[in-house]
Amino acid sequence: MSKYVDRGIIKWSPFDGLAGFNDLFTELRNRLTKMDKPTLLEDRLEELDQKLKTALEHNAYTLFEYFNDGHIRYVEGYILKIDTIHHLVWLYDKQKIAITDILDIHEIQT
């Protein structure tokens, strides 16, 4: 009785017959789903500023919703510092978010 030997990824290679098709498809999807940056009203900006300061003061684990390159992105973490000169929020894992790109802030209960 012979033992079955899996060919791994090789068995799927015929389905990628059009070289570069997946890259082209991904690029097209990204271009078609891009949107304009939402405009926030003054009272919303003040609310976000207060949420940001509160999260920093309480060392809260925080979820940020922000705009980047035509898409809404999400990142979470603890705030290391708020750089008011360069308008950046630095997280402990060395990620940075432009303050002007933040759309919403949520404290996450850990």
PDB file of N, CA and C in Angstrom:
ATOM      1  N   MET A   1       0.841  -1.168   0.000  1.00  0.00           N
ATOM      2  CA  MET A   1       0.000   0.000   0.000  1.00  0.00           C
ATOM      3  C   MET A   1       0.898   1.246   0.000  1.00  0.00           C
ATOM      4  N   SER A   2       0.677   2.180  -0.908  1.00  0.00           N
ATOM      5  CA  SER A   2       1.526   3.365  -1.002  1.00  0.00           C
ATOM      6  C   SER A   2       0.998   4.474  -0.093  1.00  0.00           C
ATOM      7  N   LYS A   3       1.921   5.277   0.395  1.00  0.00           N
ATOM      8  CA  LYS A   3       1.587   6.391   1.269  1.00  0.00           C
ATOM      9  C   LYS A   3       1.332   7.627   0.416  1.00  0.00           C
ATOM     10  N   TYR A   4       0.269   8.372   0.737  1.00  0.00           N
ATOM     11  CA  TYR A   4      -0.073   9.592   0.004  1.00  0.00           C
ATOM     12  C   TYR A   4       0.935  10.699   0.348  1.00  0.00           C
ATOM     13  N   VAL A   5       1.461  11.375  -0.670  1.00  0.00           N
ATOM     14  CA  VAL A   5       2.392  12.482  -0.480  1.00  0.00           C
ATOM     15  C   VAL A   5       1.740  13.741  -1.037  1.00  0.00           C
ATOM     16  N   ASP A   6       1.525  14.706  -0.157  1.00  0.00           N
ATOM     17  CA  ASP A   6       0.908  15.971  -0.566  1.00  0.00           C
ATOM     18  C   ASP A   6       1.920  16.811  -1.331  1.00  0.00           C
ATOM     19  N   ARG A   7       1.471  17.426  -2.426  1.00  0.00           N
ATOM     20  CA  ARG A   7       2.364  18.256  -3.235  1.00  0.00           C
ATOM     21  C   ARG A   7       2.391  19.707  -2.767  1.00  0.00           C
ATOM     22  N   GLY A   8       1.711  20.006  -1.690  1.00  0.00           N
ATOM     23  CA  GLY A   8       1.733  21.357  -1.125  1.00  0.00           C
ATOM     24  C   GLY A   8       1.226  22.413  -2.081  1.00  0.00           C
ATOM     25  N   ILE A   9       1.910  23.513  -2.140  1.00  0.00           N
ATOM     26  CA  ILE A   9       1.504  24.656  -2.953  1.00  0.00           C
ATOM     27  C   ILE A   9       1.581  24.372  -4.451  1.00  0.00           C
ATOM     28  N   ILE A  10       2.373  23.402  -4.844  1.00  0.00           N
ATOM     29  CA  ILE A  10       2.541  23.084  -6.265  1.00  0.00           C
ATOM     30  C   ILE A  10       1.209  22.731  -6.906  1.00  0.00           C
ATOM     31  N   LYS A  11       0.336  22.065  -6.175  1.00  0.00           N
ATOM     32  CA  LYS A  11      -0.938  21.636  -6.756  1.00  0.00           C
ATOM     33  C   LYS A  11      -1.825  22.815  -7.130  1.00  0.00           C
ATOM     34  N   TRP A  12      -1.584  24.009  -6.544  1.00  0.00           N
ATOM     35  CA  TRP A  12      -2.424  25.173  -6.843  1.00  0.00           C
ATOM     36  C   TRP A  12      -1.831  26.061  -7.946  1.00  0.00           C
ATOM     37  N   SER A  13      -0.652  25.778  -8.404  1.00  0.00           N
ATOM     38  CA  SER A  13      -0.010  26.641  -9.397  1.00  0.00           C
ATOM     39  C   SER A  13      -0.794  26.790 -10.699  1.00  0.00           C
ATOM     40  N   PRO A  14      -1.544  25.790 -11.185  1.00  0.00           N
ATOM     41  CA  PRO A  14      -2.309  26.008 -12.414  1.00  0.00           C
ATOM     42  C   PRO A  14      -3.370  27.102 -12.288  1.00  0.00           C
ATOM     43  N   PHE A  15      -3.814  27.402 -11.051  1.00  0.00           N
ATOM     44  CA  PHE A  15      -4.846  28.411 -10.864  1.00  0.00           C
ATOM     45  C   PHE A  15      -4.298  29.832 -10.916  1.00  0.00           C
ATOM     46  N   ASP A  16      -2.989  29.979 -10.947  1.00  0.00           N
ATOM     47  CA  ASP A  16      -2.371  31.299 -11.079  1.00  0.00           C
ATOM     48  C   ASP A  16      -1.718  31.386 -12.460  1.00  0.00           C
ATOM     49  N   GLY A  17      -2.466  30.973 -13.454  1.00  0.00           N
ATOM     50  CA  GLY A  17      -1.945  30.916 -14.819  1.00  0.00           C
ATOM     51  C   GLY A  17      -1.631  32.274 -15.422  1.00  0.00           C
ATOM     52  N   LEU A  18      -2.353  33.287 -15.015  1.00  0.00           N
ATOM     53  CA  LEU A  18      -2.090  34.633 -15.528  1.00  0.00           C
ATOM     54  C   LEU A  18      -1.149  35.335 -14.554  1.00  0.00           C
ATOM     55  N   ALA A  19       0.101  35.310 -14.864  1.00  0.00           N
ATOM     56  CA  ALA A  19       1.120  35.883 -13.980  1.00  0.00           C
ATOM     57  C   ALA A  19       0.815  37.352 -13.697  1.00  0.00           C
ATOM     58  N   GLY A  20       0.818  37.708 -12.434  1.00  0.00           N
ATOM     59  CA  GLY A  20       0.581  39.091 -12.036  1.00  0.00           C
ATOM     60  C   GLY A  20      -0.877  39.467 -11.904  1.00  0.00           C
ATOM     61  N   PHE A  21      -1.789  38.554 -12.237  1.00  0.00           N
ATOM     62  CA  PHE A  21      -3.212  38.882 -12.175  1.00  0.00           C
ATOM     63  C   PHE A  21      -3.635  39.244 -10.760  1.00  0.00           C
ATOM     64  N   ASN A  22      -3.186  38.488  -9.768  1.00  0.00           N
ATOM     65  CA  ASN A  22      -3.574  38.762  -8.379  1.00  0.00           C
ATOM     66  C   ASN A  22      -3.081  40.126  -7.919  1.00  0.00           C
ATOM     67  N   ASP A  23      -1.866  40.507  -8.294  1.00  0.00           N
ATOM     68  CA  ASP A  23      -1.342  41.828  -7.932  1.00  0.00           C
ATOM     69  C   ASP A  23      -2.153  42.931  -8.596  1.00  0.00           C
ATOM     70  N   LEU A  24      -2.475  42.746  -9.854  1.00  0.00           N
ATOM     71  CA  LEU A  24      -3.266  43.734 -10.595  1.00  0.00           C
ATOM     72  C   LEU A  24      -4.659  43.869  -9.986  1.00  0.00           C
ATOM     73  N   PHE A  25      -5.264  42.743  -9.655  1.00  0.00           N
ATOM     74  CA  PHE A  25      -6.595  42.752  -9.057  1.00  0.00           C
ATOM     75  C   PHE A  25      -6.586  43.477  -7.715  1.00  0.00           C
ATOM     76  N   THR A  26      -5.585  43.225  -6.881  1.00  0.00           N
ATOM     77  CA  THR A  26      -5.474  43.882  -5.580  1.00  0.00           C
ATOM     78  C   THR A  26      -5.305  45.388  -5.750  1.00  0.00           C
ATOM     79  N   GLU A  27      -4.462  45.808  -6.679  1.00  0.00           N
ATOM     80  CA  GLU A  27      -4.246  47.234  -6.938  1.00  0.00           C
ATOM     81  C   GLU A  27      -5.525  47.904  -7.430  1.00  0.00           C
ATOM     82  N   LEU A  28      -6.251  47.252  -8.325  1.00  0.00           N
ATOM     83  CA  LEU A  28      -7.495  47.802  -8.856  1.00  0.00           C
ATOM     84  C   LEU A  28      -8.529  47.943  -7.740  1.00  0.00           C
ATOM     85  N   ARG A  29      -8.632  46.936  -6.893  1.00  0.00           N
ATOM     86  CA  ARG A  29      -9.589  46.983  -5.786  1.00  0.00           C
ATOM     87  C   ARG A  29      -9.252  48.132  -4.847  1.00  0.00           C
ATOM     88  N   ASN A  30      -7.964  48.350  -4.562  1.00  0.00           N
ATOM     89  CA  ASN A  30      -7.556  49.456  -3.691  1.00  0.00           C
ATOM     90  C   ASN A  30      -7.903  50.805  -4.303  1.00  0.00           C
ATOM     91  N   ARG A  31      -7.683  50.950  -5.602  1.00  0.00           N
ATOM     92  CA  ARG A  31      -7.992  52.228  -6.264  1.00  0.00           C
ATOM     93  C   ARG A  31      -9.488  52.501  -6.283  1.00  0.00           C
ATOM     94  N   LEU A  32     -10.293  51.462  -6.501  1.00  0.00           N
ATOM     95  CA  LEU A  32     -11.740  51.651  -6.593  1.00  0.00           C
ATOM     96  C   LEU A  32     -12.405  51.899  -5.251  1.00  0.00           C
ATOM     97  N   THR A  33     -11.789  51.476  -4.167  1.00  0.00           N
ATOM     98  CA  THR A  33     -12.398  51.658  -2.849  1.00  0.00           C
ATOM     99  C   THR A  33     -11.888  52.888  -2.118  1.00  0.00           C
ATOM    100  N   LYS A  34     -10.994  53.656  -2.740  1.00  0.00           N
ATOM    101  CA  LYS A  34     -10.498  54.881  -2.097  1.00  0.00           C
ATOM    102  C   LYS A  34     -11.620  55.896  -1.979  1.00  0.00           C
ATOM    103  N   MET A  35     -11.537  56.688  -0.914  1.00  0.00           N
ATOM    104  CA  MET A  35     -12.544  57.712  -0.684  1.00  0.00           C
ATOM    105  C   MET A  35     -11.869  58.995  -0.222  1.00  0.00           C
ATOM    106  N   ASP A  36     -12.635  60.063  -0.223  1.00  0.00           N
ATOM    107  CA  ASP A  36     -12.129  61.346   0.264  1.00  0.00           C
ATOM    108  C   ASP A  36     -12.116  61.334   1.787  1.00  0.00           C
ATOM    109  N   LYS A  37     -11.227  62.121   2.348  1.00  0.00           N
ATOM    110  CA  LYS A  37     -11.121  62.207   3.805  1.00  0.00           C
ATOM    111  C   LYS A  37     -12.374  62.871   4.366  1.00  0.00           C
ATOM    112  N   PRO A  38     -12.997  62.239   5.370  1.00  0.00           N
ATOM    113  CA  PRO A  38     -14.174  62.859   5.997  1.00  0.00           C
ATOM    114  C   PRO A  38     -13.802  64.170   6.684  1.00  0.00           C
ATOM    115  N   THR A  39     -14.692  65.122   6.636  1.00  0.00           N
ATOM    116  CA  THR A  39     -14.484  66.410   7.293  1.00  0.00           C
ATOM    117  C   THR A  39     -15.177  66.386   8.645  1.00  0.00           C
ATOM    118  N   LEU A  40     -14.433  66.709   9.693  1.00  0.00           N
ATOM    119  CA  LEU A  40     -14.994  66.724  11.039  1.00  0.00           C
ATOM    120  C   LEU A  40     -15.307  68.154  11.455  1.00  0.00           C
ATOM    121  N   LEU A  41     -16.456  68.312  12.104  1.00  0.00           N
ATOM    122  CA  LEU A  41     -16.858  69.626  12.595  1.00  0.00           C
ATOM    123  C   LEU A  41     -16.071  69.978  13.848  1.00  0.00           C
ATOM    124  N   GLU A  42     -16.080  71.257  14.180  1.00  0.00           N
ATOM    125  CA  GLU A  42     -15.283  71.766  15.306  1.00  0.00           C
ATOM    126  C   GLU A  42     -15.619  71.071  16.627  1.00  0.00           C
ATOM    127  N   ASP A  43     -16.902  70.853  16.898  1.00  0.00           N
ATOM    128  CA  ASP A  43     -17.262  70.202  18.162  1.00  0.00           C
ATOM    129  C   ASP A  43     -16.774  68.753  18.206  1.00  0.00           C
ATOM    130  N   ARG A  44     -16.744  68.089  17.070  1.00  0.00           N
ATOM    131  CA  ARG A  44     -16.225  66.717  17.003  1.00  0.00           C
ATOM    132  C   ARG A  44     -14.717  66.706  17.253  1.00  0.00           C
ATOM    133  N   LEU A  45     -14.013  67.688  16.709  1.00  0.00           N
ATOM    134  CA  LEU A  45     -12.573  67.790  16.932  1.00  0.00           C
ATOM    135  C   LEU A  45     -12.259  68.022  18.412  1.00  0.00           C
ATOM    136  N   GLU A  46     -13.071  68.859  19.078  1.00  0.00           N
ATOM    137  CA  GLU A  46     -12.881  69.102  20.510  1.00  0.00           C
ATOM    138  C   GLU A  46     -13.142  67.826  21.308  1.00  0.00           C
ATOM    139  N   GLU A  47     -14.153  67.057  20.912  1.00  0.00           N
ATOM    140  CA  GLU A  47     -14.464  65.798  21.584  1.00  0.00           C
ATOM    141  C   GLU A  47     -13.311  64.802  21.433  1.00  0.00           C
ATOM    142  N   LEU A  48     -12.746  64.710  20.230  1.00  0.00           N
ATOM    143  CA  LEU A  48     -11.615  63.817  19.997  1.00  0.00           C
ATOM    144  C   LEU A  48     -10.390  64.262  20.802  1.00  0.00           C
ATOM    145  N   ASP A  49     -10.178  65.558  20.884  1.00  0.00           N
ATOM    146  CA  ASP A  49      -9.060  66.075  21.672  1.00  0.00           C
ATOM    147  C   ASP A  49      -9.209  65.677  23.137  1.00  0.00           C
ATOM    148  N   GLN A  50     -10.413  65.799  23.667  1.00  0.00           N
ATOM    149  CA  GLN A  50     -10.666  65.427  25.064  1.00  0.00           C
ATOM    150  C   GLN A  50     -10.484  63.919  25.272  1.00  0.00           C
ATOM    151  N   LYS A  51     -10.968  63.093  24.336  1.00  0.00           N
ATOM    152  CA  LYS A  51     -10.804  61.642  24.431  1.00  0.00           C
ATOM    153  C   LYS A  51      -9.327  61.259  24.402  1.00  0.00           C
ATOM    154  N   LEU A  52      -8.574  61.937  23.566  1.00  0.00           N
ATOM    155  CA  LEU A  52      -7.144  61.661  23.444  1.00  0.00           C
ATOM    156  C   LEU A  52      -6.409  61.988  24.744  1.00  0.00           C
ATOM    157  N   LYS A  53      -6.705  63.136  25.323  1.00  0.00           N
ATOM    158  CA  LYS A  53      -6.070  63.536  26.579  1.00  0.00           C
ATOM    159  C   LYS A  53      -6.460  62.601  27.721  1.00  0.00           C
ATOM    160  N   THR A  54      -7.718  62.193  27.768  1.00  0.00           N
ATOM    161  CA  THR A  54      -8.184  61.281  28.808  1.00  0.00           C
ATOM    162  C   THR A  54      -7.501  59.928  28.695  1.00  0.00           C
ATOM    163  N   ALA A  55      -7.391  59.410  27.473  1.00  0.00           N
ATOM    164  CA  ALA A  55      -6.732  58.121  27.261  1.00  0.00           C
ATOM    165  C   ALA A  55      -5.271  58.174  27.685  1.00  0.00           C
ATOM    166  N   LEU A  56      -4.600  59.281  27.414  1.00  0.00           N
ATOM    167  CA  LEU A  56      -3.203  59.437  27.818  1.00  0.00           C
ATOM    168  C   LEU A  56      -3.083  59.515  29.342  1.00  0.00           C
ATOM    169  N   GLU A  57      -3.945  60.313  29.983  1.00  0.00           N
ATOM    170  CA  GLU A  57      -3.904  60.474  31.438  1.00  0.00           C
ATOM    171  C   GLU A  57      -4.153  59.155  32.173  1.00  0.00           C
ATOM    172  N   HIS A  58      -5.077  58.343  31.667  1.00  0.00           N
ATOM    173  CA  HIS A  58      -5.443  57.083  32.326  1.00  0.00           C
ATOM    174  C   HIS A  58      -4.638  55.892  31.821  1.00  0.00           C
ATOM    175  N   ASN A  59      -3.693  56.135  30.924  1.00  0.00           N
ATOM    176  CA  ASN A  59      -2.909  55.057  30.317  1.00  0.00           C
ATOM    177  C   ASN A  59      -3.830  53.939  29.816  1.00  0.00           C
ATOM    178  N   ALA A  60      -4.866  54.337  29.086  1.00  0.00           N
ATOM    179  CA  ALA A  60      -5.892  53.407  28.621  1.00  0.00           C
ATOM    180  C   ALA A  60      -5.480  52.740  27.310  1.00  0.00           C
ATOM    181  N   TYR A  61      -5.836  51.470  27.190  1.00  0.00           N
ATOM    182  CA  TYR A  61      -5.639  50.758  25.929  1.00  0.00           C
ATOM    183  C   TYR A  61      -6.702  51.305  24.975  1.00  0.00           C
ATOM    184  N   THR A  62      -6.276  51.820  23.843  1.00  0.00           N
ATOM    185  CA  THR A  62      -7.137  52.634  22.998  1.00  0.00           C
ATOM    186  C   THR A  62      -7.176  52.128  21.558  1.00  0.00           C
ATOM    187  N   LEU A  63      -8.370  52.205  20.961  1.00  0.00           N
ATOM    188  CA  LEU A  63      -8.564  51.882  19.543  1.00  0.00           C
ATOM    189  C   LEU A  63      -8.702  53.192  18.786  1.00  0.00           C
ATOM    190  N   PHE A  64      -7.866  53.371  17.775  1.00  0.00           N
ATOM    191  CA  PHE A  64      -7.912  54.564  16.936  1.00  0.00           C
ATOM    192  C   PHE A  64      -8.484  54.204  15.575  1.00  0.00           C
ATOM    193  N   GLU A  65      -9.422  55.001  15.121  1.00  0.00           N
ATOM    194  CA  GLU A  65      -9.929  54.908  13.756  1.00  0.00           C
ATOM    195  C   GLU A  65      -9.356  56.131  13.048  1.00  0.00           C
ATOM    196  N   TYR A  66      -8.613  55.898  11.967  1.00  0.00           N
ATOM    197  CA  TYR A  66      -7.966  57.023  11.309  1.00  0.00           C
ATOM    198  C   TYR A  66      -7.988  56.851   9.790  1.00  0.00           C
ATOM    199  N   PHE A  67      -7.762  57.946   9.101  1.00  0.00           N
ATOM    200  CA  PHE A  67      -7.784  57.982   7.638  1.00  0.00           C
ATOM    201  C   PHE A  67      -6.359  57.927   7.124  1.00  0.00           C
ATOM    202  N   ASN A  68      -6.118  57.029   6.155  1.00  0.00           N
ATOM    203  CA  ASN A  68      -4.778  56.901   5.590  1.00  0.00           C
ATOM    204  C   ASN A  68      -4.881  56.465   4.138  1.00  0.00           C
ATOM    205  N   ASP A  69      -4.350  57.264   3.256  1.00  0.00           N
ATOM    206  CA  ASP A  69      -4.246  56.915   1.834  1.00  0.00           C
ATOM    207  C   ASP A  69      -5.583  56.484   1.221  1.00  0.00           C
ATOM    208  N   GLY A  70      -6.643  57.220   1.527  1.00  0.00           N
ATOM    209  CA  GLY A  70      -7.935  56.953   0.915  1.00  0.00           C
ATOM    210  C   GLY A  70      -8.756  55.872   1.587  1.00  0.00           C
ATOM    211  N   HIS A  71      -8.283  55.337   2.713  1.00  0.00           N
ATOM    212  CA  HIS A  71      -8.993  54.269   3.405  1.00  0.00           C
ATOM    213  C   HIS A  71      -9.049  54.552   4.908  1.00  0.00           C
ATOM    214  N   ILE A  72     -10.047  53.992   5.562  1.00  0.00           N
ATOM    215  CA  ILE A  72     -10.146  54.091   7.016  1.00  0.00           C
ATOM    216  C   ILE A  72      -9.424  52.884   7.593  1.00  0.00           C
ATOM    217  N   ARG A  73      -8.520  53.146   8.517  1.00  0.00           N
ATOM    218  CA  ARG A  73      -7.692  52.103   9.139  1.00  0.00           C
ATOM    219  C   ARG A  73      -7.946  52.098  10.646  1.00  0.00           C
ATOM    220  N   TYR A  74      -7.516  51.023  11.271  1.00  0.00           N
ATOM    221  CA  TYR A  74      -7.667  50.879  12.715  1.00  0.00           C
ATOM    222  C   TYR A  74      -6.344  50.415  13.314  1.00  0.00           C
ATOM    223  N   VAL A  75      -6.028  50.960  14.472  1.00  0.00           N
ATOM    224  CA  VAL A  75      -4.852  50.523  15.223  1.00  0.00           C
ATOM    225  C   VAL A  75      -5.188  50.674  16.704  1.00  0.00           C
ATOM    226  N   GLU A  76      -4.635  49.787  17.506  1.00  0.00           N
ATOM    227  CA  GLU A  76      -4.891  49.878  18.933  1.00  0.00           C
ATOM    228  C   GLU A  76      -3.592  49.779  19.711  1.00  0.00           C
ATOM    229  N   GLY A  77      -3.601  50.354  20.898  1.00  0.00           N
ATOM    230  CA  GLY A  77      -2.428  50.299  21.743  1.00  0.00           C
ATOM    231  C   GLY A  77      -2.479  51.360  22.816  1.00  0.00           C
ATOM    232  N   TYR A  78      -1.404  51.420  23.582  1.00  0.00           N
ATOM    233  CA  TYR A  78      -1.260  52.421  24.636  1.00  0.00           C
ATOM    234  C   TYR A  78      -0.542  53.630  24.064  1.00  0.00           C
ATOM    235  N   ILE A  79      -0.967  54.806  24.468  1.00  0.00           N
ATOM    236  CA  ILE A  79      -0.362  56.042  23.990  1.00  0.00           C
ATOM    237  C   ILE A  79       0.932  56.298  24.760  1.00  0.00           C
ATOM    238  N   LEU A  80       2.015  56.453  24.032  1.00  0.00           N
ATOM    239  CA  LEU A  80       3.303  56.786  24.638  1.00  0.00           C
ATOM    240  C   LEU A  80       3.386  58.290  24.885  1.00  0.00           C
ATOM    241  N   LYS A  81       3.074  59.059  23.837  1.00  0.00           N
ATOM    242  CA  LYS A  81       3.100  60.522  23.981  1.00  0.00           C
ATOM    243  C   LYS A  81       2.304  61.163  22.856  1.00  0.00           C
ATOM    244  N   ILE A  82       1.950  62.407  23.095  1.00  0.00           N
ATOM    245  CA  ILE A  82       1.288  63.228  22.085  1.00  0.00           C
ATOM    246  C   ILE A  82       2.268  64.330  21.722  1.00  0.00           C
ATOM    247  N   ASP A  83       2.698  64.329  20.472  1.00  0.00           N
ATOM    248  CA  ASP A  83       3.662  65.305  19.976  1.00  0.00           C
ATOM    249  C   ASP A  83       2.881  66.455  19.338  1.00  0.00           C
ATOM    250  N   THR A  84       2.708  67.544  20.099  1.00  0.00           N
ATOM    251  CA  THR A  84       1.912  68.669  19.608  1.00  0.00           C
ATOM    252  C   THR A  84       2.662  69.510  18.569  1.00  0.00           C
ATOM    253  N   ILE A  85       3.963  69.412  18.552  1.00  0.00           N
ATOM    254  CA  ILE A  85       4.746  70.162  17.566  1.00  0.00           C
ATOM    255  C   ILE A  85       4.568  69.559  16.174  1.00  0.00           C
ATOM    256  N   HIS A  86       4.688  68.229  16.087  1.00  0.00           N
ATOM    257  CA  HIS A  86       4.570  67.549  14.792  1.00  0.00           C
ATOM    258  C   HIS A  86       3.172  66.978  14.563  1.00  0.00           C
ATOM    259  N   HIS A  87       2.253  67.201  15.496  1.00  0.00           N
ATOM    260  CA  HIS A  87       0.866  66.735  15.409  1.00  0.00           C
ATOM    261  C   HIS A  87       0.779  65.226  15.225  1.00  0.00           C
ATOM    262  N   LEU A  88       1.476  64.486  16.111  1.00  0.00           N
ATOM    263  CA  LEU A  88       1.503  63.024  16.054  1.00  0.00           C
ATOM    264  C   LEU A  88       1.144  62.420  17.405  1.00  0.00           C
ATOM    265  N   VAL A  89       0.512  61.241  17.330  1.00  0.00           N
ATOM    266  CA  VAL A  89       0.301  60.418  18.517  1.00  0.00           C
ATOM    267  C   VAL A  89       1.226  59.225  18.375  1.00  0.00           C
ATOM    268  N   TRP A  90       2.095  59.018  19.367  1.00  0.00           N
ATOM    269  CA  TRP A  90       3.025  57.895  19.360  1.00  0.00           C
ATOM    270  C   TRP A  90       2.483  56.806  20.271  1.00  0.00           C
ATOM    271  N   LEU A  91       2.436  55.579  19.769  1.00  0.00           N
ATOM    272  CA  LEU A  91       2.023  54.445  20.572  1.00  0.00           C
ATOM    273  C   LEU A  91       3.258  53.710  21.071  1.00  0.00           C
ATOM    274  N   TYR A  92       3.091  52.884  22.103  1.00  0.00           N
ATOM    275  CA  TYR A  92       4.226  52.182  22.704  1.00  0.00           C
ATOM    276  C   TYR A  92       4.950  51.268  21.726  1.00  0.00           C
ATOM    277  N   ASP A  93       4.253  50.751  20.717  1.00  0.00           N
ATOM    278  CA  ASP A  93       4.915  49.860  19.746  1.00  0.00           C
ATOM    279  C   ASP A  93       5.555  50.646  18.604  1.00  0.00           C
ATOM    280  N   LYS A  94       5.818  51.923  18.824  1.00  0.00           N
ATOM    281  CA  LYS A  94       6.507  52.819  17.889  1.00  0.00           C
ATOM    282  C   LYS A  94       5.677  53.195  16.653  1.00  0.00           C
ATOM    283  N   GLN A  95       4.390  52.873  16.662  1.00  0.00           N
ATOM    284  CA  GLN A  95       3.529  53.342  15.578  1.00  0.00           C
ATOM    285  C   GLN A  95       3.202  54.802  15.848  1.00  0.00           C
ATOM    286  N   LYS A  96       2.965  55.530  14.781  1.00  0.00           N
ATOM    287  CA  LYS A  96       2.571  56.926  14.943  1.00  0.00           C
ATOM    288  C   LYS A  96       1.384  57.217  14.044  1.00  0.00           C
ATOM    289  N   ILE A  97       0.519  58.094  14.550  1.00  0.00           N
ATOM    290  CA  ILE A  97      -0.687  58.487  13.820  1.00  0.00           C
ATOM    291  C   ILE A  97      -0.726  60.001  13.794  1.00  0.00           C
ATOM    292  N   ALA A  98      -0.995  60.564  12.632  1.00  0.00           N
ATOM    293  CA  ALA A  98      -1.161  62.012  12.543  1.00  0.00           C
ATOM    294  C   ALA A  98      -2.462  62.401  13.239  1.00  0.00           C
ATOM    295  N   ILE A  99      -2.381  63.360  14.117  1.00  0.00           N
ATOM    296  CA  ILE A  99      -3.562  63.794  14.863  1.00  0.00           C
ATOM    297  C   ILE A  99      -4.669  64.240  13.914  1.00  0.00           C
ATOM    298  N   THR A 100      -4.298  64.872  12.826  1.00  0.00           N
ATOM    299  CA  THR A 100      -5.301  65.367  11.880  1.00  0.00           C
ATOM    300  C   THR A 100      -5.989  64.244  11.104  1.00  0.00           C
ATOM    301  N   ASP A 101      -5.452  63.024  11.157  1.00  0.00           N
ATOM    302  CA  ASP A 101      -6.063  61.890  10.462  1.00  0.00           C
ATOM    303  C   ASP A 101      -7.001  61.081  11.349  1.00  0.00           C
ATOM    304  N   ILE A 102      -7.014  61.349  12.651  1.00  0.00           N
ATOM    305  CA  ILE A 102      -7.850  60.576  13.576  1.00  0.00           C
ATOM    306  C   ILE A 102      -9.315  60.931  13.370  1.00  0.00           C
ATOM    307  N   LEU A 103     -10.134  59.881  13.225  1.00  0.00           N
ATOM    308  CA  LEU A 103     -11.571  60.058  13.040  1.00  0.00           C
ATOM    309  C   LEU A 103     -12.366  59.711  14.291  1.00  0.00           C
ATOM    310  N   ASP A 104     -11.864  58.745  15.079  1.00  0.00           N
ATOM    311  CA  ASP A 104     -12.546  58.350  16.303  1.00  0.00           C
ATOM    312  C   ASP A 104     -11.567  57.653  17.242  1.00  0.00           C
ATOM    313  N   ILE A 105     -11.881  57.704  18.532  1.00  0.00           N
ATOM    314  CA  ILE A 105     -11.048  57.113  19.569  1.00  0.00           C
ATOM    315  C   ILE A 105     -11.962  56.370  20.544  1.00  0.00           C
ATOM    316  N   HIS A 106     -11.596  55.137  20.869  1.00  0.00           N
ATOM    317  CA  HIS A 106     -12.370  54.340  21.822  1.00  0.00           C
ATOM    318  C   HIS A 106     -11.431  53.710  22.834  1.00  0.00           C
ATOM    319  N   GLU A 107     -11.756  53.855  24.103  1.00  0.00           N
ATOM    320  CA  GLU A 107     -10.989  53.125  25.123  1.00  0.00           C
ATOM    321  C   GLU A 107     -11.484  51.690  25.142  1.00  0.00           C
ATOM    322  N   ILE A 108     -10.540  50.756  25.221  1.00  0.00           N
ATOM    323  CA  ILE A 108     -10.868  49.335  25.238  1.00  0.00           C
ATOM    324  C   ILE A 108     -10.645  48.810  26.645  1.00  0.00           C
ATOM    325  N   GLN A 109     -11.633  48.134  27.172  1.00  0.00           N
ATOM    326  CA  GLN A 109     -11.515  47.546  28.501  1.00  0.00           C
ATOM    327  C   GLN A 109     -10.655  46.294  28.429  1.00  0.00           C
ATOM    328  N   THR A 110      -9.596  46.232  29.223  1.00  0.00           N
ATOM    329  CA  THR A 110      -8.725  45.055  29.211  1.00  0.00           C
ATOM    330  C   THR A 110      -8.900  44.233  30.451  1.00  0.00           C
TER     331      THR A 110
END
